[in-house]
């Protein structure tokens, strides 16, 4: 809000701050005299500050001819104005839009409609600021699949299915937990599953409904099956169960949407739904219908399990979902082949990927998009792992009939990146020592203290050569000459007392192994059969993504690599989820059932184009892949992804050289050398 200070013909504008706008709002709501002390107490400031602010507000009202402030000794100050005249005031730039968003969304979700008069009573807003905020609010509802309607003379209203309504309520509660918590006096949860503040927030979001039965149901479920949900998922599950109870008490039942793709990983969800239903029914006395049972199953399916706490729990979850186990094994094998490292022995990674695939398949099946807050950082930090993770999109499409989005790809890339980092940094070694068990264990302890990142997985003497040869380690540390033995590991000779030079020798060997592993990941050769000169385009001038994709799809179709439906599948997939992988590279792809023969189209752009919000690209690989074994192309496809991983790790000179090349044969030579 602009106001003017001082006397004279020319006056410099100042901005009315949020506190001054809050004072105006207090006076507008009350309309009777309010003392400076009462205002100061509400805002937590001094009376002197309020007195100075009143002077600014008086001038703003007078200059805009929007009313006046009357002051009366011992009574205070009151506003003499109308809502229409207040609209003449310039816009307030200090108003906290988030507070207004919270009010509008909360009111619409509770009542279904909101009039301009009600909005004006709650928040003093100018016309253009109102339009701006309502436009942003409409986008929020649209993102949550709720129709947002504005009709002249009738205000604002929303309409949607019960399922989408509940999903929007969940997102609203999670996004505005802090503001919900301030609506009521803080309550004590009495349970470690949830903090007092979040307990208060959820109760407030449900108009004071006690969510304790849902908390006890979730906690009991975790104990019964031996796992723990992530904290945010536990909060969300408590909210969804409690909201279901609230709606059932009002006689409103949910109709579940049709799920896309083949069902997989549902055994554990059914088990969870049974346990949650029984607990809620026992604690609330509600008779839970089949449709609400399906909703509870959905709520469990999209809740992320953070860890499996007991061996029994892990075994139970896996035994309930053997198909998901098979999918996980297939995914780990593909990832290992592309990354060039064997991750099948990384139990932590396999378990975490299993849990991630469980919730990912559920979200994709129900059409739920969970925005990945770390997506941009993952793209910049792990562009190579994003490339690997996109390969799994082919698995989801072929095995389950589901189209993956970049947010889910980002979650999987994070798991893959972590596993690769562990593989590159964590090394293991055997100790071979013939000086007796006492010296051997002293040696082991010294190595563990000096090099904590090295795992000593076995201590042997030279007579245990059979065990040494058959065991698994990265290298051998020995105090005994082993020249006469044929071992498949590097050997570091050390003294039995382990001095500083021995430590340096061990660290040098570890550095060498890590370097070799990284080079092995980069030494990935593609297969020329995927690349063809007629599918290489350089220095392209295009206006937008759709124009480029149509051009590249046309080239594939004219050469007989794909059928007519391929272009449509590429464009539809991009509208659902953009396929940028970071560093200015995009790897779009279409449905495999439209692919006659696997191929890659390469395009470099004269000027970067917007690929998704906040992301531009100037190198595009359009992928027409079919991972079926028929035709013997599977190895070539995996080889391409390996090459793409290597390319994302290249330096800027290599990027620039490829983009500047115009000769297709020279570009083909570069692809051969990846």
Foldseek 3Di string as FASTA:
>chain_A
DWFFDDDDDDTDIDAQAALLQVVVLVQLLPQFFDALVNSCVVVVHDSVVSVVSLVRVQRQCVVLVAFHWDQDPPRHIHTDGDLVSLLSGDFHPNHDLVVLLLVVVLCCLVPQFDAPVNSCNNHNGHDVVVVVSVVVSCVLCVVLVWHWDQDPPGHIGIDDAPVSSLVSLLVSLVVPLVVLLVPDDFDCLPDPLDHRSSQSSLCSSLVNDRLNLLLVLQVVLCVVLQFAFDSSLSSSLSSSVSVQVVCVVVVHFHAADAFDWDDALQQVLLVSLVSSVVSSCVVPVDDQDPRNSVVNSLSVQQTFTDTRRDPRSLVVSCVSTVVLLVLLVVLQVLLCLLQVHRLPPVVVLSSNVSRLVRNQSSCQRRVHDDAAPCLVVLLAVQLLLLLSLVVCQLVCCPVIVTGGASRSSSVNSVSSVVSVVLVLQAFEEEEEEDPDPVLQVVVVVVLCVLPVSYHHPYYYYPVVVVCQQPDDGAAYEYCDDPVVDDHPHHYQHAHSVGDPVSSVSVVVVSVVSSVVSVVSLLQFFADLVQDDLLLEAAADDDAADLVVLVVNVVSCVVVPQFDPCFSVQQVVSLVVHFADSHPQEGETEGRQVGGPHWHKHWYAHNDWHDRDVPDTHGIYIYTRDDCDPPPPCNSNVSSVSSNVSSVVVDDPVVVVVLNPDDDSVVNSVVSRRD
